[in-house]
Protein backbone atom coordinates (compact mmCIF):
# COMPACT_ATOMS: atom_id res chain seq x y z
CA UNK A 1 167.80 94.06 70.51
CA UNK A 2 167.20 95.20 74.11
CA UNK A 3 163.44 95.59 73.76
CA UNK A 4 163.02 96.67 77.41
CA UNK A 5 164.68 100.00 76.73
CA UNK A 6 162.00 100.89 74.17
CA UNK A 7 159.01 100.28 76.43
CA UNK A 8 156.83 102.83 78.22
CA UNK A 9 155.00 100.48 80.61
CA UNK A 10 151.49 101.88 80.59
CA UNK A 11 148.40 101.92 82.80
CA UNK A 12 145.88 104.61 81.87
CA UNK A 13 142.46 103.10 82.51
CA UNK A 14 140.32 105.38 84.71
CA UNK A 15 139.75 102.58 87.23
CA UNK A 16 143.47 101.98 87.86
CA UNK A 17 144.09 101.64 91.60
CA UNK A 18 147.06 102.71 93.69
CA UNK A 19 147.99 99.05 94.12
CA UNK A 20 147.96 98.53 90.34
CA UNK A 21 150.20 101.57 89.83
CA UNK A 22 152.63 100.20 92.41
CA UNK A 23 152.65 96.85 90.60
CA UNK A 24 153.26 98.66 87.30
CA UNK A 25 156.28 100.42 88.79
CA UNK A 26 157.67 97.22 90.29
CA UNK A 27 157.35 95.48 86.92
CA UNK A 28 159.09 98.41 85.23
CA UNK A 29 162.00 98.25 87.68
CA UNK A 30 162.31 94.49 87.42
CA UNK A 31 162.31 94.54 83.61
CA UNK A 32 164.30 97.78 83.28
CA UNK A 33 161.72 99.49 81.10
CA UNK A 34 162.39 103.01 79.85
CA UNK A 35 159.41 104.57 81.62
CA UNK A 36 156.02 104.09 83.17
CA UNK A 37 153.12 106.04 81.66
CA UNK A 38 150.34 107.03 84.07
CA UNK A 39 147.52 109.51 84.51
CA UNK A 40 148.67 112.73 86.12
CA UNK A 41 147.00 111.98 89.47
CA UNK A 42 149.45 109.10 89.96
CA UNK A 43 152.71 110.89 89.13
CA UNK A 44 153.81 111.36 92.73
CA UNK A 45 152.99 107.74 93.61
CA UNK A 46 154.94 106.49 90.60
CA UNK A 47 157.87 108.76 91.41
CA UNK A 48 157.95 107.42 94.97
CA UNK A 49 157.86 103.82 93.80
CA UNK A 50 160.59 104.39 91.22
CA UNK A 51 163.00 106.21 93.54
CA UNK A 52 166.60 105.04 93.10
CA UNK A 53 165.77 103.45 89.74
CA UNK A 54 166.49 104.62 86.19
CA UNK A 55 162.86 104.23 85.11
CA UNK A 56 161.31 107.54 84.04
CA UNK A 57 157.83 108.77 84.95
CA UNK A 58 155.66 109.82 82.02
CA UNK A 59 152.33 111.61 82.57
CA UNK A 60 149.52 112.01 80.04
CA UNK A 61 148.05 115.49 79.64
CA UNK A 62 144.69 116.51 78.15
CA UNK A 63 143.94 112.81 78.03
CA UNK A 64 142.33 111.16 76.16
CA UNK A 65 140.41 113.72 74.06
CA UNK A 66 142.84 116.64 73.84
CA UNK A 67 139.90 119.04 73.72
CA UNK A 68 140.56 120.99 76.91
CA UNK A 69 141.86 124.56 76.79
CA UNK A 70 145.55 125.24 76.29
CA UNK A 71 145.63 126.92 79.69
CA UNK A 72 144.28 123.77 81.33
CA UNK A 73 146.87 121.61 79.55
CA UNK A 74 149.64 123.96 80.67
CA UNK A 75 148.50 123.80 84.29
CA UNK A 76 148.22 120.01 84.23
CA UNK A 77 151.64 119.65 82.62
CA UNK A 78 153.35 122.03 85.04
CA UNK A 79 151.72 120.30 87.98
CA UNK A 80 152.83 116.88 86.72
CA UNK A 81 156.42 118.08 86.42
CA UNK A 82 156.27 119.54 89.92
CA UNK A 83 155.04 116.15 91.15
CA UNK A 84 158.03 114.44 89.52
CA UNK A 85 157.17 113.70 85.88
CA UNK A 86 160.18 113.34 83.58
CA UNK A 87 158.15 113.16 80.38
CA UNK A 88 154.80 114.52 79.21
CA UNK A 89 152.51 112.87 76.63
CA UNK A 90 149.96 115.50 75.56
CA UNK A 91 146.99 114.94 73.26
CA UNK A 92 146.79 117.25 70.27
CA UNK A 93 143.60 119.26 69.72
CA UNK A 94 141.96 117.24 66.95
CA UNK A 95 139.14 119.70 66.38
CA UNK A 96 141.59 122.50 65.68
CA UNK A 97 143.53 120.29 63.26
CA UNK A 98 140.26 119.46 61.48
CA UNK A 99 139.42 123.17 61.43
CA UNK A 100 142.82 123.92 59.88
CA UNK A 101 143.46 126.37 62.71
CA UNK A 102 147.14 125.52 62.67
CA UNK A 103 148.18 128.64 64.57
CA UNK A 104 146.11 127.52 67.56
CA UNK A 105 147.45 123.96 67.34
CA UNK A 106 150.99 125.30 67.32
CA UNK A 107 150.29 127.49 70.35
CA UNK A 108 148.70 124.57 72.20
CA UNK A 109 151.85 122.47 71.85
CA UNK A 110 154.35 125.33 72.20
CA UNK A 111 152.80 126.59 75.43
CA UNK A 112 153.00 123.14 77.01
CA UNK A 113 156.60 122.72 75.87
CA UNK A 114 157.51 126.10 77.32
CA UNK A 115 155.83 125.20 80.60
CA UNK A 116 157.80 121.99 81.11
CA UNK A 117 161.25 123.32 80.26
CA UNK A 118 163.76 120.60 79.42
CA UNK A 119 161.39 117.71 80.11
CA UNK A 120 160.51 115.42 77.20
CA UNK A 121 157.30 116.28 75.32
CA UNK A 122 155.49 113.68 73.23
CA UNK A 123 152.55 114.85 71.11
CA UNK A 124 149.76 112.29 70.69
CA UNK A 125 148.21 112.61 67.22
CA UNK A 126 145.39 110.04 67.52
CA UNK A 127 146.02 108.76 64.00
CA UNK A 128 142.72 106.86 63.80
CA UNK A 129 140.97 110.25 63.57
CA UNK A 130 143.30 111.84 61.02
CA UNK A 131 143.82 111.55 57.28
CA UNK A 132 147.30 111.02 55.86
CA UNK A 133 147.61 114.73 55.09
CA UNK A 134 146.46 115.63 58.60
CA UNK A 135 149.03 113.27 60.11
CA UNK A 136 151.73 114.95 58.05
CA UNK A 137 150.53 118.43 59.05
CA UNK A 138 150.33 117.49 62.73
CA UNK A 139 153.91 116.19 62.58
CA UNK A 140 155.09 119.41 60.94
CA UNK A 141 153.41 121.50 63.63
CA UNK A 142 154.94 119.36 66.38
CA UNK A 143 158.37 119.99 64.85
CA UNK A 144 157.70 123.74 64.71
CA UNK A 145 156.63 123.64 68.37
CA UNK A 146 159.92 122.02 69.42
CA UNK A 147 158.29 118.83 70.66
CA UNK A 148 160.56 115.83 71.19
CA UNK A 149 158.30 113.03 69.94
CA UNK A 150 155.15 112.42 67.97
CA UNK A 151 153.02 109.55 69.26
CA UNK A 152 150.46 107.57 67.29
CA UNK A 153 147.54 107.04 69.64
CA UNK A 154 145.95 107.28 73.07
CA UNK A 155 144.83 103.66 73.03
CA UNK A 156 141.31 104.88 73.81
CA UNK A 157 140.07 105.59 70.27
CA UNK A 158 138.65 103.21 67.66
CA UNK A 159 142.09 101.87 66.78
CA UNK A 160 145.72 102.27 67.73
CA UNK A 161 149.07 102.34 66.00
CA UNK A 162 149.57 101.22 62.41
CA UNK A 163 152.82 100.51 60.60
CA UNK A 164 151.64 102.70 57.73
CA UNK A 165 151.17 105.70 60.02
CA UNK A 166 154.53 105.20 61.71
CA UNK A 167 156.24 105.14 58.31
CA UNK A 168 154.42 108.35 57.30
CA UNK A 169 155.44 109.98 60.58
CA UNK A 170 159.07 108.92 60.17
CA UNK A 171 159.20 110.18 56.58
CA UNK A 172 157.79 113.53 57.74
CA UNK A 173 159.86 114.17 60.86
CA UNK A 174 163.02 112.49 59.52
CA UNK A 175 165.58 112.69 62.34
CA UNK A 176 164.15 115.86 63.90
CA UNK A 177 161.69 114.11 66.21
CA UNK A 178 161.42 110.67 67.74
CA UNK A 179 158.33 108.48 67.39
CA UNK A 180 156.28 106.57 69.94
CA UNK A 181 153.96 103.80 68.75
CA UNK A 182 151.09 102.97 71.09
CA UNK A 183 147.77 101.20 70.99
CA UNK A 184 147.61 97.50 70.17
CA UNK A 185 151.36 96.85 70.31
CA UNK A 186 151.05 93.81 72.55
CA UNK A 187 153.53 91.19 71.29
CA UNK A 188 157.28 91.01 70.85
CA UNK A 189 156.86 90.53 67.10
CA UNK A 190 154.67 93.62 66.76
CA UNK A 191 157.05 95.71 68.84
CA UNK A 192 160.01 94.72 66.67
CA UNK A 193 158.07 95.57 63.49
CA UNK A 194 157.23 99.03 64.82
CA UNK A 195 160.82 99.66 65.83
CA UNK A 196 161.98 98.59 62.37
CA UNK A 197 159.38 100.95 60.85
CA UNK A 198 160.85 103.89 62.75
CA UNK A 199 159.49 103.86 66.32
CA UNK A 200 161.87 104.89 69.09
CA UNK A 201 159.49 104.08 71.93
CA UNK A 202 156.65 101.59 72.41
CA UNK A 203 153.70 102.49 74.65
CA UNK A 204 152.00 99.35 75.92
CA UNK A 205 150.32 97.76 78.91
CA UNK A 206 151.77 94.45 77.73
CA UNK A 207 155.41 95.21 78.47
CA UNK A 208 155.97 92.12 80.59
CA UNK A 209 154.30 89.95 77.95
CA UNK A 210 156.50 91.47 75.26
CA UNK A 211 159.83 90.97 77.04
CA UNK A 212 158.86 87.41 77.96
CA UNK A 213 157.54 86.77 74.42
CA UNK A 214 154.26 85.41 75.78
CA UNK A 215 150.72 85.42 74.39
CA UNK A 216 149.05 88.83 74.89
CA UNK A 217 146.15 89.28 77.28
CA UNK A 218 145.56 93.05 77.02
CA UNK A 219 144.65 95.17 74.01
CA UNK A 220 146.52 98.45 74.71
């Protein structure tokens, strides 16, 4: 298994510096990761550092709470694409899911997808905040909104990915959407288990540790 091709090499902490983003990109190029995942303010820097490489730039939108207006998410997503983002990871509106306002949740995702055209859209569900039925419903809405992926977690909530949730997500979306597992996937063994459970992408700040099969030092 070429584990490198599954990894979104991630640095989303609010204190991340320009130097750290550059290091992230260099590590991604050296290890041939699928993408780097950064906050939207660092998209242009990441794009510059990854020029002439096959590594994609992924930007998070509405991160980490997902509670901003749809219009604000659309603006942030469009701006990220203009700056060079190849993929967008947006946070779902958890309050609207809890309110069962599924029409508004659908519009939130659909409007972002429409704004970014043919770029990849991953919808972050934040599974630690959702019941099994809410995870299923969120996946169904993401399918209806023509998203490309559903993603487990931001990595900033009380817990991250679980194998149980990934299996529920895979059973729900079948082959219609891909799945990204993120949050706490910090060893080679864990990454393989998530891939076997149905994950197509692994979001982690421990990409180098994973490919080298070393002991983890970071939680995300």
